[in-house]
């Protein structure tokens, strides 16, 4: 872990890309304002490069009980 928590990626579909991301022990614990965008935007950038198309993060959620942030990266 490089300060980004423990990440698991699940590619649900390759074209168009749909990737579910779950981050255990994320660096951001809240879903207020721009904070929720930090992790999602980071992975949207990484996966945009991987799939060679512009992607964005959607469906952000955070479970305090599990200490997990999740989102979906897609077009």
C-alpha atoms as a PDB file:
ATOM      1  CA  UNK A   1       0.000   0.000   0.000  1.00  0.00           C
ATOM      2  CA  UNK A   2       1.378   3.385  -1.005  1.00  0.00           C
ATOM      3  CA  UNK A   3      -1.009   5.422   1.118  1.00  0.00           C
ATOM      4  CA  UNK A   4      -3.897   4.721  -1.264  1.00  0.00           C
ATOM      5  CA  UNK A   5      -5.273   1.811   0.782  1.00  0.00           C
ATOM      6  CA  UNK A   6      -5.699  -1.750  -0.465  1.00  0.00           C
ATOM      7  CA  UNK A   7      -7.324  -1.696  -3.884  1.00  0.00           C
ATOM      8  CA  UNK A   8      -9.249  -4.360  -5.722  1.00  0.00           C
ATOM      9  CA  UNK A   9     -10.310  -3.794  -9.317  1.00  0.00           C
ATOM     10  CA  UNK A  10     -12.945  -5.844 -11.099  1.00  0.00           C
ATOM     11  CA  UNK A  11     -13.287  -5.353 -14.852  1.00  0.00           C
ATOM     12  CA  UNK A  12     -16.965  -6.035 -15.514  1.00  0.00           C
ATOM     13  CA  UNK A  13     -16.819  -5.159 -19.213  1.00  0.00           C
ATOM     14  CA  UNK A  14     -13.989  -4.113 -21.537  1.00  0.00           C
ATOM     15  CA  UNK A  15     -15.913  -2.296 -24.280  1.00  0.00           C
ATOM     16  CA  UNK A  16     -17.204   0.092 -23.224  1.00  0.00           C
ATOM     17  CA  UNK A  17     -15.120  -0.183 -20.043  1.00  0.00           C
ATOM     18  CA  UNK A  18     -16.881  -0.731 -16.724  1.00  0.00           C
ATOM     19  CA  UNK A  19     -14.602  -1.290 -13.734  1.00  0.00           C
ATOM     20  CA  UNK A  20     -15.639  -1.613 -10.097  1.00  0.00           C
ATOM     21  CA  UNK A  21     -13.113  -0.394  -7.553  1.00  0.00           C
ATOM     22  CA  UNK A  22     -13.076  -1.115  -3.828  1.00  0.00           C
ATOM     23  CA  UNK A  23     -10.470   0.524  -1.607  1.00  0.00           C
ATOM     24  CA  UNK A  24     -10.045  -0.836   1.923  1.00  0.00           C
ATOM     25  CA  UNK A  25      -8.563   1.645   4.402  1.00  0.00           C
ATOM     26  CA  UNK A  26      -8.822   4.549   1.915  1.00  0.00           C
ATOM     27  CA  UNK A  27      -6.925   7.815   2.459  1.00  0.00           C
ATOM     28  CA  UNK A  28     -10.244   9.721   2.283  1.00  0.00           C
ATOM     29  CA  UNK A  29     -12.905   8.738   4.796  1.00  0.00           C
ATOM     30  CA  UNK A  30     -15.678  11.183   3.872  1.00  0.00           C
ATOM     31  CA  UNK A  31     -17.939  11.691   0.891  1.00  0.00           C
ATOM     32  CA  UNK A  32     -18.235  15.468   1.131  1.00  0.00           C
ATOM     33  CA  UNK A  33     -17.497  17.876  -1.692  1.00  0.00           C
ATOM     34  CA  UNK A  34     -14.391  17.143  -3.716  1.00  0.00           C
ATOM     35  CA  UNK A  35     -13.050  14.567  -1.242  1.00  0.00           C
ATOM     36  CA  UNK A  36     -15.091  11.776  -2.818  1.00  0.00           C
ATOM     37  CA  UNK A  37     -13.589  12.617  -6.214  1.00  0.00           C
ATOM     38  CA  UNK A  38      -9.962  12.144  -5.175  1.00  0.00           C
ATOM     39  CA  UNK A  39      -9.787   8.340  -5.306  1.00  0.00           C
ATOM     40  CA  UNK A  40     -12.251   7.996  -8.168  1.00  0.00           C
ATOM     41  CA  UNK A  41     -10.471  10.592 -10.289  1.00  0.00           C
ATOM     42  CA  UNK A  42      -7.109   8.959  -9.677  1.00  0.00           C
ATOM     43  CA  UNK A  43      -8.339   5.567 -10.895  1.00  0.00           C
ATOM     44  CA  UNK A  44     -10.329   7.115 -13.750  1.00  0.00           C
ATOM     45  CA  UNK A  45      -7.039   8.620 -14.951  1.00  0.00           C
ATOM     46  CA  UNK A  46      -5.119   5.359 -14.622  1.00  0.00           C
ATOM     47  CA  UNK A  47      -7.819   3.341 -16.373  1.00  0.00           C
ATOM     48  CA  UNK A  48      -8.360   5.998 -19.072  1.00  0.00           C
ATOM     49  CA  UNK A  49      -4.720   5.461 -20.025  1.00  0.00           C
ATOM     50  CA  UNK A  50      -5.106   1.661 -19.867  1.00  0.00           C
ATOM     51  CA  UNK A  51      -8.270   1.566 -22.025  1.00  0.00           C
ATOM     52  CA  UNK A  52      -7.085   4.489 -24.198  1.00  0.00           C
ATOM     53  CA  UNK A  53     -10.345   6.424 -23.771  1.00  0.00           C
ATOM     54  CA  UNK A  54     -11.693   9.054 -21.402  1.00  0.00           C
ATOM     55  CA  UNK A  55     -13.363   7.501 -18.369  1.00  0.00           C
ATOM     56  CA  UNK A  56     -14.914   8.943 -15.212  1.00  0.00           C
ATOM     57  CA  UNK A  57     -15.820   7.745 -11.750  1.00  0.00           C
ATOM     58  CA  UNK A  58     -19.466   7.306 -10.704  1.00  0.00           C
ATOM     59  CA  UNK A  59     -21.527   5.786  -7.886  1.00  0.00           C
ATOM     60  CA  UNK A  60     -19.179   6.755  -5.044  1.00  0.00           C
ATOM     61  CA  UNK A  61     -19.895   5.241  -1.650  1.00  0.00           C
ATOM     62  CA  UNK A  62     -18.097   4.846   1.635  1.00  0.00           C
ATOM     63  CA  UNK A  63     -18.839   2.302   4.359  1.00  0.00           C
ATOM     64  CA  UNK A  64     -17.459   3.416   7.730  1.00  0.00           C
ATOM     65  CA  UNK A  65     -18.285  -0.014   9.161  1.00  0.00           C
ATOM     66  CA  UNK A  66     -16.062  -1.800   6.600  1.00  0.00           C
ATOM     67  CA  UNK A  67     -13.755   1.230   6.063  1.00  0.00           C
ATOM     68  CA  UNK A  68     -14.239   0.782   2.315  1.00  0.00           C
ATOM     69  CA  UNK A  69     -14.598   3.318  -0.478  1.00  0.00           C
ATOM     70  CA  UNK A  70     -16.112   2.084  -3.716  1.00  0.00           C
ATOM     71  CA  UNK A  71     -16.912   3.517  -7.123  1.00  0.00           C
ATOM     72  CA  UNK A  72     -17.415   2.524 -10.735  1.00  0.00           C
ATOM     73  CA  UNK A  73     -15.134   3.742 -13.535  1.00  0.00           C
ATOM     74  CA  UNK A  74     -16.852   3.966 -16.922  1.00  0.00           C
ATOM     75  CA  UNK A  75     -17.532   6.230 -19.916  1.00  0.00           C
END
